[in-house]
C-alpha atoms as a PDB file:
ATOM      1  CA  UNK A   1     -45.308  35.796  28.692  1.00  0.00           C
ATOM      2  CA  UNK A   2     -47.846  34.450  26.291  1.00  0.00           C
ATOM      3  CA  UNK A   3     -50.865  32.416  27.162  1.00  0.00           C
ATOM      4  CA  UNK A   4     -50.547  30.192  30.215  1.00  0.00           C
ATOM      5  CA  UNK A   5     -50.390  26.452  29.921  1.00  0.00           C
ATOM      6  CA  UNK A   6     -50.952  24.703  33.198  1.00  0.00           C
ATOM      7  CA  UNK A   7     -50.548  20.977  33.524  1.00  0.00           C
ATOM      8  CA  UNK A   8     -52.292  18.748  36.009  1.00  0.00           C
ATOM      9  CA  UNK A   9     -50.336  18.120  39.148  1.00  0.00           C
ATOM     10  CA  UNK A  10     -49.344  14.649  40.214  1.00  0.00           C
ATOM     11  CA  UNK A  11     -50.609  13.030  43.379  1.00  0.00           C
ATOM     12  CA  UNK A  12     -47.845  14.742  45.335  1.00  0.00           C
ATOM     13  CA  UNK A  13     -48.783  18.028  46.986  1.00  0.00           C
ATOM     14  CA  UNK A  14     -47.649  21.561  46.319  1.00  0.00           C
ATOM     15  CA  UNK A  15     -47.646  24.277  48.929  1.00  0.00           C
ATOM     16  CA  UNK A  16     -47.656  23.603  52.629  1.00  0.00           C
ATOM     17  CA  UNK A  17     -50.703  21.342  52.663  1.00  0.00           C
ATOM     18  CA  UNK A  18     -51.559  20.775  49.011  1.00  0.00           C
ATOM     19  CA  UNK A  19     -54.646  22.990  49.096  1.00  0.00           C
ATOM     20  CA  UNK A  20     -53.054  25.596  46.836  1.00  0.00           C
ATOM     21  CA  UNK A  21     -52.456  23.001  44.130  1.00  0.00           C
ATOM     22  CA  UNK A  22     -56.006  21.741  44.543  1.00  0.00           C
ATOM     23  CA  UNK A  23     -57.272  25.295  44.125  1.00  0.00           C
ATOM     24  CA  UNK A  24     -55.062  25.815  41.077  1.00  0.00           C
ATOM     25  CA  UNK A  25     -56.271  22.540  39.558  1.00  0.00           C
ATOM     26  CA  UNK A  26     -59.881  23.586  40.197  1.00  0.00           C
ATOM     27  CA  UNK A  27     -59.190  26.936  38.522  1.00  0.00           C
ATOM     28  CA  UNK A  28     -57.577  25.144  35.571  1.00  0.00           C
ATOM     29  CA  UNK A  29     -60.738  23.067  35.194  1.00  0.00           C
ATOM     30  CA  UNK A  30     -62.935  26.184  35.461  1.00  0.00           C
ATOM     31  CA  UNK A  31     -60.895  27.852  32.716  1.00  0.00           C
ATOM     32  CA  UNK A  32     -61.224  24.768  30.514  1.00  0.00           C
ATOM     33  CA  UNK A  33     -65.002  24.910  30.936  1.00  0.00           C
ATOM     34  CA  UNK A  34     -65.453  28.670  30.412  1.00  0.00           C
ATOM     35  CA  UNK A  35     -64.780  30.591  27.212  1.00  0.00           C
ATOM     36  CA  UNK A  36     -65.015  33.825  29.204  1.00  0.00           C
ATOM     37  CA  UNK A  37     -62.197  32.717  31.521  1.00  0.00           C
ATOM     38  CA  UNK A  38     -60.204  31.406  28.557  1.00  0.00           C
ATOM     39  CA  UNK A  39     -60.352  34.856  26.954  1.00  0.00           C
ATOM     40  CA  UNK A  40     -59.183  36.451  30.196  1.00  0.00           C
ATOM     41  CA  UNK A  41     -56.309  33.970  30.566  1.00  0.00           C
ATOM     42  CA  UNK A  42     -55.126  34.774  27.047  1.00  0.00           C
ATOM     43  CA  UNK A  43     -54.619  38.385  28.178  1.00  0.00           C
ATOM     44  CA  UNK A  44     -52.544  37.408  31.239  1.00  0.00           C
ATOM     45  CA  UNK A  45     -48.881  38.392  30.908  1.00  0.00           C
ATOM     46  CA  UNK A  46     -47.401  37.342  34.264  1.00  0.00           C
ATOM     47  CA  UNK A  47     -47.775  34.840  37.066  1.00  0.00           C
ATOM     48  CA  UNK A  48     -49.000  37.616  39.370  1.00  0.00           C
ATOM     49  CA  UNK A  49     -51.779  38.537  36.911  1.00  0.00           C
ATOM     50  CA  UNK A  50     -52.759  34.864  36.705  1.00  0.00           C
ATOM     51  CA  UNK A  51     -52.871  34.576  40.500  1.00  0.00           C
ATOM     52  CA  UNK A  52     -54.990  37.749  40.651  1.00  0.00           C
ATOM     53  CA  UNK A  53     -57.401  36.366  38.036  1.00  0.00           C
ATOM     54  CA  UNK A  54     -57.745  33.177  40.053  1.00  0.00           C
ATOM     55  CA  UNK A  55     -58.403  35.160  43.219  1.00  0.00           C
ATOM     56  CA  UNK A  56     -61.037  37.296  41.444  1.00  0.00           C
ATOM     57  CA  UNK A  57     -62.827  34.056  40.627  1.00  0.00           C
ATOM     58  CA  UNK A  58     -62.565  32.521  44.105  1.00  0.00           C
ATOM     59  CA  UNK A  59     -59.419  30.394  43.685  1.00  0.00           C
ATOM     60  CA  UNK A  60     -56.447  30.956  46.001  1.00  0.00           C
ATOM     61  CA  UNK A  61     -52.979  29.816  44.946  1.00  0.00           C
ATOM     62  CA  UNK A  62     -49.521  31.347  44.800  1.00  0.00           C
ATOM     63  CA  UNK A  63     -47.148  32.423  42.042  1.00  0.00           C
ATOM     64  CA  UNK A  64     -44.868  29.593  43.153  1.00  0.00           C
ATOM     65  CA  UNK A  65     -47.674  27.072  42.554  1.00  0.00           C
ATOM     66  CA  UNK A  66     -48.201  28.487  39.068  1.00  0.00           C
ATOM     67  CA  UNK A  67     -44.485  28.264  38.309  1.00  0.00           C
ATOM     68  CA  UNK A  68     -44.380  24.632  39.437  1.00  0.00           C
ATOM     69  CA  UNK A  69     -47.199  23.645  37.115  1.00  0.00           C
ATOM     70  CA  UNK A  70     -46.011  25.393  33.963  1.00  0.00           C
ATOM     71  CA  UNK A  71     -44.179  23.203  31.455  1.00  0.00           C
ATOM     72  CA  UNK A  72     -40.409  23.685  31.275  1.00  0.00           C
ATOM     73  CA  UNK A  73     -40.557  23.409  27.488  1.00  0.00           C
ATOM     74  CA  UNK A  74     -42.931  22.352  24.754  1.00  0.00           C
ATOM     75  CA  UNK A  75     -41.686  18.774  24.974  1.00  0.00           C
ATOM     76  CA  UNK A  76     -41.324  18.380  28.722  1.00  0.00           C
ATOM     77  CA  UNK A  77     -43.760  19.258  31.473  1.00  0.00           C
ATOM     78  CA  UNK A  78     -43.090  18.983  35.176  1.00  0.00           C
ATOM     79  CA  UNK A  79     -45.018  20.053  38.199  1.00  0.00           C
ATOM     80  CA  UNK A  80     -42.006  20.647  40.428  1.00  0.00           C
ATOM     81  CA  UNK A  81     -43.566  18.410  43.052  1.00  0.00           C
ATOM     82  CA  UNK A  82     -41.687  15.280  42.010  1.00  0.00           C
END
């Protein structure tokens, strides 16, 4: 896996109560605002490493949440919630 590209989720929820998607969205925003986190994300090679990086920085979400928010291709992005 190369660098991770995570898209914003829609208004629908992911996970049991939506909190995981909120946490993932908050982590996505933190990465966007931090060059240090961006450098770490570029080194991530799996969903589990990405989840671990989020957890190290105080964000709790699952590998399933990450998979839902990754684009299916360069031209099409889905969150899996719709």
